[in-house]
Amino acid sequence: MDTPLRLTPAAAERFRELTATETDPAIGLRVYTTAGGCSGFRYGMMIEDAARSDDEVFEADGIRVYLDPATRPLVEGASIDYIDSLMGAGFTVDNPNAVAGCACGSSFRTVGEAGSPGACGVR
């Protein structure tokens, strides 16, 4: 079965490191978007221990992922990676749906959704 988005091995490994002491079998990664940023939408990720009633739940590289219905079309086909370099470390999103993004890289928009553009902030 195809999943709406994928995690690279580096992203999956970093998530496993972050949750190594968790004992809850439902622990997973919530990927979401919120309106904001100068381009319209911002990505968000958090450790989650339960699905919401309308979530899509799937596995990507062995990691349980929670995705809400509003976020799914915005990230369909995206890839989440984890980069650790001299310039910094963090999760990044390569999203084929993003047609524009802000210079600071913290927000995006798609062809069908402009979101609610606002001021760029600190990531």
Protein backbone atom coordinates (compact mmCIF):
# COMPACT_ATOMS: atom_id res chain seq x y z
CA MET A 1 0.00 0.00 0.00
CA ASP A 2 1.30 3.44 -0.90
CA THR A 3 1.57 5.85 1.99
CA PRO A 4 0.71 9.57 1.74
CA LEU A 5 4.26 10.54 2.68
CA ARG A 6 7.52 8.82 3.42
CA LEU A 7 10.30 9.06 5.96
CA THR A 8 13.91 8.65 4.92
CA PRO A 9 15.96 6.14 6.90
CA ALA A 10 17.71 9.08 8.63
CA ALA A 11 14.36 10.58 9.73
CA ALA A 12 13.05 7.23 10.94
CA GLU A 13 16.24 6.56 12.89
CA ARG A 14 16.16 10.00 14.53
CA PHE A 15 12.52 9.47 15.53
CA ARG A 16 13.47 6.10 17.06
CA GLU A 17 16.25 7.82 19.02
CA LEU A 18 13.85 10.49 20.28
CA THR A 19 11.33 7.89 21.44
CA ALA A 20 13.72 5.19 22.66
CA THR A 21 12.48 5.41 26.25
CA GLU A 22 8.77 5.45 25.33
CA THR A 23 6.84 2.32 26.27
CA ASP A 24 3.48 3.18 24.71
CA PRO A 25 3.00 0.96 21.62
CA ALA A 26 0.84 3.65 19.98
CA ILE A 27 3.65 6.24 19.98
CA GLY A 28 4.04 7.82 16.58
CA LEU A 29 4.81 10.92 14.60
CA ARG A 30 2.05 13.45 14.00
CA VAL A 31 2.64 15.46 10.83
CA TYR A 32 0.42 18.51 10.47
CA THR A 33 0.16 21.88 8.80
CA THR A 34 -1.06 25.17 10.20
CA ALA A 35 -1.95 28.43 8.52
CA GLY A 36 0.80 30.98 8.81
CA GLY A 37 4.20 32.08 7.66
CA CYS A 38 4.70 34.41 4.74
CA SER A 39 3.73 31.74 2.19
CA GLY A 40 0.56 30.46 3.85
CA PHE A 41 1.23 27.13 5.60
CA ARG A 42 3.75 25.87 8.11
CA TYR A 43 4.77 22.27 8.73
CA GLY A 44 4.57 20.82 12.20
CA MET A 45 5.63 17.53 13.71
CA MET A 46 5.22 16.14 17.19
CA ILE A 47 5.37 12.90 19.10
CA GLU A 48 1.83 11.58 19.52
CA ASP A 49 0.46 8.67 21.52
CA ALA A 50 -3.05 8.30 20.09
CA ALA A 51 -4.96 8.85 16.90
CA ARG A 52 -7.76 11.38 16.71
CA SER A 53 -11.11 10.16 15.40
CA ASP A 54 -10.53 11.46 11.86
CA ASP A 55 -6.81 10.68 11.53
CA GLU A 56 -5.30 8.48 8.89
CA VAL A 57 -2.81 6.18 10.58
CA PHE A 58 -0.13 4.40 8.56
CA GLU A 59 3.46 3.22 8.82
CA ALA A 60 6.42 4.82 7.09
CA ASP A 61 9.78 3.08 7.48
CA GLY A 62 8.43 1.27 10.54
CA ILE A 63 7.21 4.47 12.22
CA ARG A 64 3.53 5.00 13.00
CA VAL A 65 2.39 8.27 11.41
CA TYR A 66 -0.74 10.25 12.28
CA LEU A 67 -2.11 12.54 9.57
CA ASP A 68 -5.25 14.66 9.76
CA PRO A 69 -7.56 15.02 6.74
CA ALA A 70 -6.77 18.72 6.17
CA THR A 71 -3.03 18.05 6.05
CA ARG A 72 -3.09 15.00 3.79
CA PRO A 73 -3.64 16.79 0.44
CA LEU A 74 -0.98 19.35 1.34
CA VAL A 75 1.71 16.74 1.99
CA GLU A 76 0.68 13.91 -0.38
CA GLY A 77 3.89 12.49 -1.84
CA ALA A 78 6.21 14.45 0.49
CA SER A 79 9.36 13.04 2.03
CA ILE A 80 10.59 13.86 5.53
CA ASP A 81 14.33 13.72 6.11
CA TYR A 82 16.63 14.43 9.04
CA ILE A 83 19.74 16.47 8.31
CA ASP A 84 22.68 16.85 10.71
CA SER A 85 25.36 19.16 9.34
CA LEU A 86 27.72 21.92 10.42
CA MET A 87 24.93 24.40 9.65
CA GLY A 88 22.50 22.73 12.04
CA ALA A 89 20.30 19.71 12.51
CA GLY A 90 16.60 19.10 12.06
CA PHE A 91 13.79 17.52 10.13
CA THR A 92 13.17 18.80 6.61
CA VAL A 93 10.22 18.28 4.26
CA ASP A 94 10.60 17.81 0.51
CA ASN A 95 7.06 18.49 -0.69
CA PRO A 96 6.20 18.11 -4.39
CA ASN A 97 2.94 20.04 -3.77
CA ALA A 98 4.71 23.22 -2.66
CA VAL A 99 4.72 25.73 -5.51
CA ALA A 100 6.18 28.56 -3.43
CA GLY A 101 7.98 28.97 -0.16
CA CYS A 102 9.37 31.80 1.84
CA ALA A 103 13.03 32.74 1.87
CA CYS A 104 13.47 31.50 5.44
CA GLY A 105 12.11 28.07 4.41
CA SER A 106 9.52 27.80 7.16
CA SER A 107 6.34 28.07 5.12
CA PHE A 108 4.86 27.01 1.77
CA ARG A 109 1.77 27.16 -0.42
CA THR A 110 0.28 24.81 -2.97
CA VAL A 111 -1.53 25.39 -6.27
CA GLY A 112 -4.94 24.81 -4.68
CA GLU A 113 -4.33 26.23 -1.21
CA ALA A 114 -2.81 29.58 -0.34
CA GLY A 115 -3.28 29.28 3.43
CA SER A 116 -3.20 32.45 5.51
CA PRO A 117 0.03 34.31 4.79
CA GLY A 118 1.45 36.32 7.64
CA ALA A 119 4.78 37.41 9.00
CA CYS A 120 7.71 35.03 8.96
CA GLY A 121 8.94 34.17 12.39
CA VAL A 122 11.75 32.34 13.96
CA ARG A 123 11.62 28.65 13.13
